[in-house]
Protein backbone atom coordinates (compact mmCIF):
# COMPACT_ATOMS: atom_id res chain seq x y z
CA MET A 1 -58.49 156.02 131.26
CA LYS A 2 -61.65 154.02 130.73
CA GLN A 3 -64.02 152.33 133.07
CA SER A 4 -64.62 148.59 133.04
CA GLY A 5 -67.74 149.24 130.97
CA GLY A 6 -65.63 150.89 128.25
CA SER A 7 -67.07 154.41 128.43
CA PRO A 8 -64.94 157.27 129.74
CA ALA A 9 -66.43 159.80 132.11
CA SER A 10 -67.32 163.17 130.63
CA LEU A 11 -68.64 166.55 131.76
CA GLU A 12 -71.23 168.63 129.96
CA ARG A 13 -72.37 172.12 130.89
CA ALA A 14 -75.66 173.82 130.07
CA VAL A 15 -75.85 177.54 130.81
CA GLN A 16 -78.96 179.67 130.39
CA PRO A 17 -80.24 182.77 132.17
CA GLY A 18 -80.65 181.94 135.83
CA LEU A 19 -79.43 178.35 135.50
CA HIS A 20 -76.11 176.51 135.27
CA ALA A 21 -76.15 172.71 135.03
CA VAL A 22 -73.14 170.38 135.06
CA THR A 23 -73.71 166.75 134.03
CA LEU A 24 -71.19 164.04 134.85
CA ALA A 25 -71.79 161.05 132.55
CA ARG A 26 -70.39 157.70 133.66
CA ALA A 27 -71.07 154.16 132.35
CA GLY A 28 -74.82 154.12 132.00
CA GLN A 29 -75.69 156.81 134.52
CA GLN A 30 -75.47 160.54 134.96
CA GLU A 31 -75.07 162.87 137.93
CA LEU A 32 -76.37 166.42 137.72
CA PHE A 33 -75.26 169.48 139.67
CA LEU A 34 -77.80 172.23 139.09
CA THR A 35 -77.45 175.86 140.21
CA ALA A 36 -80.56 178.03 139.83
CA VAL A 37 -80.59 181.70 140.85
CA PRO A 38 -83.24 184.43 140.60
CA LEU A 39 -83.23 186.81 137.67
CA PRO A 40 -84.16 190.46 138.36
CA GLU A 41 -87.65 190.78 139.91
CA GLU A 42 -87.94 187.00 140.32
CA GLY A 43 -88.79 185.10 143.49
CA ALA A 44 -88.27 181.55 144.66
CA ASP A 45 -91.24 180.22 142.68
CA ALA A 46 -89.68 181.15 139.34
CA VAL A 47 -86.33 179.68 140.39
CA LEU A 48 -87.90 176.36 141.37
CA ALA A 49 -89.98 176.25 138.17
CA ARG A 50 -86.87 176.71 136.05
CA ALA A 51 -85.00 173.96 137.91
CA GLY A 52 -88.01 171.65 137.75
CA ARG A 53 -88.38 171.97 133.98
CA PHE A 54 -84.71 171.17 133.44
CA LEU A 55 -84.81 168.08 135.64
CA GLU A 56 -88.12 166.80 134.26
CA GLU A 57 -86.89 167.03 130.66
CA ARG A 58 -84.04 164.69 131.59
CA GLY A 59 -85.92 162.31 133.85
CA ALA A 60 -83.55 163.08 136.74
CA ARG A 61 -84.14 161.99 140.33
CA ILE A 62 -83.26 164.50 143.02
CA VAL A 63 -80.98 163.39 145.86
CA ALA A 64 -80.68 166.75 147.68
CA LEU A 65 -81.71 170.39 147.45
CA ASP A 66 -80.02 173.29 149.26
CA ALA A 67 -81.72 176.70 149.38
CA PHE A 68 -79.78 179.80 150.38
CA GLY A 69 -81.41 183.16 151.05
CA LEU A 70 -84.73 182.08 149.51
CA ALA A 71 -87.92 180.96 151.21
CA VAL A 72 -88.85 177.63 149.60
CA PRO A 73 -91.99 176.27 151.28
CA GLY A 74 -92.79 172.60 150.92
CA GLU A 75 -95.83 173.20 148.73
CA ALA A 76 -93.73 175.14 146.21
CA LEU A 77 -91.12 172.38 146.12
CA ALA A 78 -93.78 169.73 145.54
CA ARG A 79 -95.50 171.82 142.84
CA HIS A 80 -92.37 172.31 140.76
CA LEU A 81 -90.16 169.34 141.69
CA GLY A 82 -92.56 166.58 142.72
CA PRO A 83 -93.02 164.79 146.05
CA VAL A 84 -90.30 165.85 148.50
CA ALA A 85 -88.62 162.51 149.21
CA TRP A 86 -85.12 164.02 149.48
CA PRO A 87 -83.32 166.23 152.02
CA VAL A 88 -83.91 169.98 151.91
CA THR A 89 -81.48 172.40 153.54
CA ARG A 90 -82.68 175.96 154.13
CA MET A 91 -80.25 178.66 155.27
CA ARG A 92 -81.02 182.39 155.55
CA LEU A 93 -79.56 185.49 157.15
CA GLU A 94 -82.14 188.24 157.42
CA GLY A 95 -81.61 191.74 156.04
CA GLY A 96 -78.85 193.05 153.83
CA GLY A 97 -80.76 193.82 150.63
CA ASP A 98 -80.82 191.77 147.45
CA ALA A 99 -77.24 192.27 146.21
CA ALA A 100 -76.61 188.67 147.30
CA PRO A 101 -79.89 187.20 146.01
CA GLY A 102 -79.42 183.53 146.98
CA GLY A 103 -80.56 180.53 144.97
CA VAL A 104 -80.85 176.75 145.05
CA HIS A 105 -78.47 173.89 144.39
CA VAL A 106 -79.93 170.57 143.28
CA GLN A 107 -77.99 167.32 143.09
CA ALA A 108 -79.72 164.66 141.01
CA VAL A 109 -78.99 161.36 139.25
CA ILE A 110 -80.17 159.56 136.12
CA GLY A 111 -79.94 155.81 135.64
CA CYS A 112 -79.78 154.59 139.24
CA ARG A 113 -82.20 153.95 142.07
CA VAL A 114 -82.42 156.44 144.95
CA GLU A 115 -83.51 155.31 148.40
CA PRO A 116 -84.83 158.07 150.69
CA VAL A 117 -83.95 158.25 154.38
CA PHE A 118 -86.79 159.41 156.62
CA LEU A 119 -86.66 160.65 160.20
CA ALA A 120 -89.90 161.35 162.09
CA GLY A 121 -91.76 161.34 158.77
CA ARG A 122 -89.45 163.84 157.07
CA ALA A 123 -86.88 163.05 154.37
CA VAL A 124 -83.39 163.83 155.70
CA GLY A 125 -81.22 161.83 153.32
CA SER A 126 -80.73 159.93 150.07
CA LEU A 127 -78.82 156.72 149.37
CA TRP A 128 -77.72 155.59 145.93
CA SER A 129 -75.04 153.44 144.31
CA ASP A 130 -73.00 153.37 141.15
CA GLU A 131 -70.58 150.76 139.85
CA ARG A 132 -67.75 152.16 141.98
CA ALA A 133 -69.27 153.29 145.28
CA ARG A 134 -72.24 153.78 147.60
CA TRP A 135 -73.27 157.34 148.38
CA CYS A 136 -75.17 159.03 151.18
CA ARG A 137 -76.31 162.65 151.22
CA LEU A 138 -77.91 164.07 154.35
CA GLY A 139 -79.33 167.57 154.71
CA GLY A 140 -81.62 169.80 156.71
CA LEU A 141 -80.91 167.91 159.92
CA SER A 142 -82.11 169.61 163.09
CA CYS A 143 -82.47 168.54 166.70
CA PRO A 144 -84.55 169.98 169.55
CA ARG A 145 -82.88 172.82 171.40
CA ALA A 146 -80.69 171.56 174.22
CA ALA A 147 -79.45 173.18 177.42
CA SER A 148 -76.60 174.67 175.37
CA PRO A 149 -75.77 174.95 171.65
CA ALA A 150 -72.73 172.71 172.20
CA ARG A 151 -74.93 169.92 173.52
CA GLU A 152 -77.21 170.37 170.55
CA ALA A 153 -74.16 170.05 168.27
CA ARG A 154 -73.18 166.78 169.93
CA THR A 155 -76.70 165.48 169.39
CA HIS A 156 -76.36 166.42 165.70
CA LEU A 157 -73.11 164.51 165.33
CA LEU A 158 -74.53 161.45 167.08
CA LEU A 159 -77.61 161.61 164.86
CA MET A 160 -75.45 161.75 161.73
CA ASP A 161 -73.46 158.79 163.02
CA ALA A 162 -76.61 156.77 163.70
CA ILE A 163 -78.11 157.46 160.27
CA LEU A 164 -74.86 156.45 158.58
CA ALA A 165 -74.69 153.25 160.65
CA GLY A 166 -78.24 152.38 159.61
CA ALA A 167 -77.11 152.64 156.00
CA GLY A 168 -74.04 150.48 156.51
CA LEU A 169 -71.60 153.41 156.56
CA ASP A 170 -69.69 155.21 159.32
CA PHE A 171 -68.26 158.67 159.93
CA GLY A 172 -64.96 157.59 158.41
CA ASP A 173 -66.77 157.53 155.04
CA VAL A 174 -67.78 161.21 155.29
CA ALA A 175 -66.16 163.43 152.65
CA ARG A 176 -67.86 166.77 153.39
CA THR A 177 -69.99 168.28 156.14
CA TRP A 178 -72.09 171.43 156.38
CA PHE A 179 -72.90 173.16 159.67
CA PHE A 180 -75.11 176.26 159.70
CA LEU A 181 -74.87 177.79 163.15
CA ASP A 182 -77.30 180.39 164.41
CA SER A 183 -75.25 183.22 166.04
CA ILE A 184 -72.03 181.45 165.05
CA GLU A 185 -69.63 183.95 166.63
CA ALA A 186 -71.12 183.32 170.07
CA TRP A 187 -70.32 179.61 170.16
CA TYR A 188 -68.00 178.64 167.30
CA VAL A 189 -65.19 177.78 169.73
CA GLU A 190 -67.49 175.47 171.71
CA PHE A 191 -68.72 173.90 168.48
CA ASN A 192 -65.18 173.07 167.40
CA LYS A 193 -64.37 171.53 170.79
CA THR A 194 -67.49 169.37 170.50
CA ARG A 195 -66.55 168.26 166.98
CA GLN A 196 -62.97 167.52 168.03
CA THR A 197 -64.14 165.34 170.93
CA PHE A 198 -66.57 163.47 168.69
CA LEU A 199 -63.89 162.76 166.07
CA ALA A 200 -61.33 161.77 168.70
CA GLN A 201 -63.73 159.27 170.27
CA ARG A 202 -64.04 157.60 166.86
CA LYS A 203 -60.26 157.65 166.32
CA LEU A 204 -60.63 159.79 163.20
CA LEU A 205 -58.30 162.71 164.03
CA ARG A 206 -55.33 160.98 162.36
CA ARG A 207 -57.31 160.16 159.23
CA ALA A 208 -58.38 162.49 156.43
CA LEU A 209 -60.89 164.77 158.13
CA PRO A 210 -63.96 165.77 156.10
CA ALA A 211 -63.98 168.98 154.14
CA SER A 212 -66.43 171.29 155.87
CA THR A 213 -68.36 174.54 155.80
CA GLY A 214 -69.36 176.27 159.01
CA VAL A 215 -71.20 179.57 158.60
CA GLY A 216 -73.87 181.46 160.48
CA GLY A 217 -77.50 181.58 159.48
CA SER A 218 -80.97 180.72 160.71
CA ASN A 219 -83.13 177.72 159.82
CA PRO A 220 -86.94 177.30 159.74
CA GLU A 221 -86.93 175.15 162.88
CA GLY A 222 -85.36 177.97 164.91
CA THR A 223 -82.69 175.69 166.35
CA ALA A 224 -79.06 176.47 167.09
CA LEU A 225 -77.81 174.30 164.23
CA SER A 226 -78.76 172.77 160.90
CA SER A 227 -76.43 170.27 159.28
CA GLY A 228 -75.75 167.91 156.40
CA LEU A 229 -73.06 165.68 154.93
CA LEU A 230 -71.86 163.74 151.91
CA ALA A 231 -70.44 160.25 152.50
CA VAL A 232 -69.00 157.77 150.00
CA GLN A 233 -67.96 154.16 150.48
CA GLY A 234 -65.96 152.50 147.71
CA ARG A 235 -66.84 148.98 146.66
CA GLU A 236 -64.35 146.33 147.76
CA THR A 237 -63.14 145.63 144.22
CA ASP A 238 -62.94 149.23 142.96
CA GLY A 239 -62.32 151.29 146.10
CA VAL A 240 -62.44 155.06 145.91
CA ARG A 241 -59.40 156.85 147.30
CA LYS A 242 -60.14 159.68 149.72
CA SER A 243 -57.28 162.01 150.63
CA ASP A 244 -56.95 165.37 152.30
CA VAL A 245 -55.48 168.22 150.27
CA PRO A 246 -53.56 170.96 152.09
CA SER A 247 -53.84 174.63 151.21
CA PRO A 248 -50.59 175.97 149.68
CA LEU A 249 -51.30 179.43 151.12
CA GLN A 250 -52.70 178.55 154.56
CA CYS A 251 -51.92 176.50 157.65
CA GLN A 252 -54.03 173.53 158.60
CA ALA A 253 -57.39 174.46 160.09
CA LYS A 254 -56.74 172.37 163.18
CA ASP A 255 -53.80 174.67 164.00
CA TYR A 256 -56.37 177.18 165.24
CA GLY A 257 -58.86 174.68 166.64
CA SER A 258 -61.08 173.87 163.63
CA PHE A 259 -61.02 170.17 162.85
CA PHE A 260 -61.61 169.80 159.11
CA SER A 261 -59.51 169.39 155.96
CA ARG A 262 -58.91 172.35 153.68
CA ALA A 263 -60.07 170.09 150.86
CA ILE A 264 -60.81 166.44 150.17
CA GLU A 265 -60.08 164.69 146.89
CA LEU A 266 -62.11 161.64 145.87
CA SER A 267 -60.26 159.65 143.21
CA PHE A 268 -62.08 157.19 140.96
CA PRO A 269 -60.62 155.33 137.96
CA ASP A 270 -62.45 157.66 135.56
CA HIS A 271 -62.52 161.03 137.37
CA ARG A 272 -61.50 163.01 140.44
CA ARG A 273 -63.66 165.24 142.67
CA LEU A 274 -62.17 168.03 144.74
CA LEU A 275 -64.31 169.28 147.63
CA VAL A 276 -62.92 172.59 148.91
CA SER A 277 -64.04 173.57 152.39
CA GLY A 278 -65.56 176.89 153.26
CA THR A 279 -62.56 179.19 152.74
CA ALA A 280 -62.04 182.71 154.06
CA SER A 281 -59.24 185.27 154.17
CA ILE A 282 -57.03 183.40 156.66
CA ASP A 283 -53.26 183.83 156.38
CA GLU A 284 -50.54 181.21 156.74
CA HIS A 285 -50.50 181.73 160.52
CA GLY A 286 -54.24 181.15 160.97
CA ARG A 287 -55.09 184.84 161.43
CA PRO A 288 -57.67 186.90 159.48
CA ALA A 289 -56.05 188.87 156.66
CA HIS A 290 -57.24 192.29 155.40
CA ALA A 291 -59.60 192.85 158.34
CA GLY A 292 -62.60 194.96 157.35
CA ASP A 293 -61.58 195.22 153.67
CA ALA A 294 -64.09 193.13 151.69
CA PRO A 295 -62.55 193.47 148.19
CA ALA A 296 -59.10 192.54 149.53
CA GLN A 297 -60.55 189.58 151.45
CA ILE A 298 -62.34 188.37 148.34
CA GLU A 299 -59.12 188.62 146.31
CA ARG A 300 -57.15 186.76 148.99
CA THR A 301 -59.77 184.05 149.42
CA MET A 302 -60.06 183.38 145.72
CA ALA A 303 -56.27 183.20 145.41
CA VAL A 304 -56.29 180.55 148.16
CA VAL A 305 -59.04 178.56 146.42
CA GLN A 306 -57.27 178.82 143.07
CA ALA A 307 -54.03 177.56 144.64
CA ILE A 308 -55.83 174.53 146.11
CA LEU A 309 -57.42 173.74 142.75
CA GLU A 310 -54.16 174.16 140.86
CA SER A 311 -52.37 171.88 143.32
CA ARG A 312 -54.60 169.09 141.99
CA GLY A 313 -54.39 170.06 138.32
CA MET A 314 -57.73 171.91 138.28
CA GLY A 315 -58.98 175.47 138.01
CA LEU A 316 -62.10 177.55 138.47
CA ARG A 317 -63.36 176.36 135.08
CA ASP A 318 -63.67 172.87 136.60
CA VAL A 319 -66.04 174.04 139.37
CA THR A 320 -69.39 172.24 139.43
CA ARG A 321 -71.01 174.11 142.33
CA ALA A 322 -70.10 176.91 144.71
CA VAL A 323 -71.64 179.02 147.46
CA ALA A 324 -70.26 182.47 148.27
CA TYR A 325 -71.23 183.85 151.69
CA PHE A 326 -71.14 187.59 152.41
CA ARG A 327 -71.46 189.18 155.82
CA ASN A 328 -72.75 192.29 154.00
CA GLY A 329 -74.81 191.70 150.87
CA GLN A 330 -73.51 194.80 149.12
CA ASP A 331 -70.04 193.23 148.92
CA ALA A 332 -71.32 190.74 146.34
CA GLY A 333 -70.55 193.29 143.63
CA ALA A 334 -66.82 193.03 144.33
CA PHE A 335 -66.98 189.27 143.86
CA ALA A 336 -68.92 189.60 140.59
CA SER A 337 -66.30 192.07 139.35
CA LEU A 338 -63.51 189.61 140.15
CA LEU A 339 -65.25 186.85 138.16
CA ALA A 340 -65.77 189.21 135.22
CA ARG A 341 -62.07 190.15 135.20
CA ALA A 342 -61.18 186.45 135.30
CA GLY A 343 -63.50 185.73 132.35
CA LEU A 344 -65.77 183.56 134.51
CA PRO A 345 -69.12 185.38 134.71
CA ASP A 346 -70.98 182.04 134.43
CA LEU A 347 -69.37 180.29 137.40
CA PRO A 348 -72.05 178.02 138.97
CA VAL A 349 -72.19 179.95 142.24
CA ILE A 350 -74.90 181.15 144.61
CA LEU A 351 -74.35 184.52 146.28
CA THR A 352 -75.93 184.66 149.71
CA ARG A 353 -75.60 186.35 153.06
CA GLY A 354 -73.91 184.42 155.83
CA GLU A 355 -72.28 185.22 159.15
CA ILE A 356 -68.61 184.25 158.97
CA CYS A 357 -67.06 182.53 162.00
CA PHE A 358 -64.78 185.44 163.06
CA ALA A 359 -65.86 189.07 163.37
CA ASP A 360 -63.05 190.35 161.11
CA LEU A 361 -64.04 188.09 158.21
CA LEU A 362 -66.51 189.34 155.59
CA PHE A 363 -66.43 186.64 152.91
CA GLU A 364 -66.28 182.85 152.59
CA ILE A 365 -66.69 180.46 149.67
CA GLU A 366 -66.96 176.69 149.24
CA VAL A 367 -66.48 174.97 145.89
CA ASP A 368 -66.65 171.52 144.32
CA ALA A 369 -64.74 170.69 141.16
CA ILE A 370 -64.46 167.64 138.90
CA ALA A 371 -61.76 166.58 136.45
CA CYS A 372 -62.31 163.60 134.20
CA ALA A 373 -59.43 161.19 133.59
């Protein structure tokens, strides 16, 4: 299937030590998904330098950067990547050694204009358009501490809503959200009630809910929550189709009080994107499976993710970015072994520590995948 401009969409991968880049080429523009991770004895500076060289060689414009487990001060970002006019998300969980070394994801574009979104003098979002849709990426959002974390979460959701409205979008356009909750186990139930109320007030509970990741970790502002989202609004003549994708091996998340879709598929005339939510070892009844057994949880979780991908004609080889969260950093070795057995040692994934929402869960992963028509 070809676009109106006559050029089919295509994917190209570039893999080198410490870097995996996926380029989606579409009718006069390109979108880059860059995963950069530290090599042995490297720190954040070397990781950023490697990413910066790759992007500069291609003349790419950054729309968002997410850093997991690495300290990435603003001066280092500016030195290697240029003026920081794009959202930066920073998530860390202290301790646990370097078995889950972290890394950075960069989303960038070539061939289209990017408009930054500023809040109180700091870039919190990027807006850009292609021939099919308008896009909005927010990240690193934080609000002053409130009387309770739940109130802070409501302020976050209202802030997201206001930023989207200022860009001519609304929460119904949101395809994926990220919520990084400090001390997540202490208030995850309250967070979900707050999110449910917010979505209900906007009459969105009967529509395709966003894919979502909710894990525990701290942020530089020291607040209860840091958040981000990806929204897409199809043009009137070439609308993008957004649909929720169920998990063949799990119940719906809302069955146990979490209001998000297991996955969201964005369908364009020339390609499809599958956004798989943060996925853990949850069984078909909504209960943790293999409590306390990290290798078994990793196997179960990856089987769930694979089933979701296969339900849409994709597989792990179609993944463009992924983040694997480990409650205990030393469990990262079991995940690396699974990838090696599957013949996928170069999966574009960041391994980082993260507090999973339930005490019995030790592992969670989110993935994005793309299949060209």
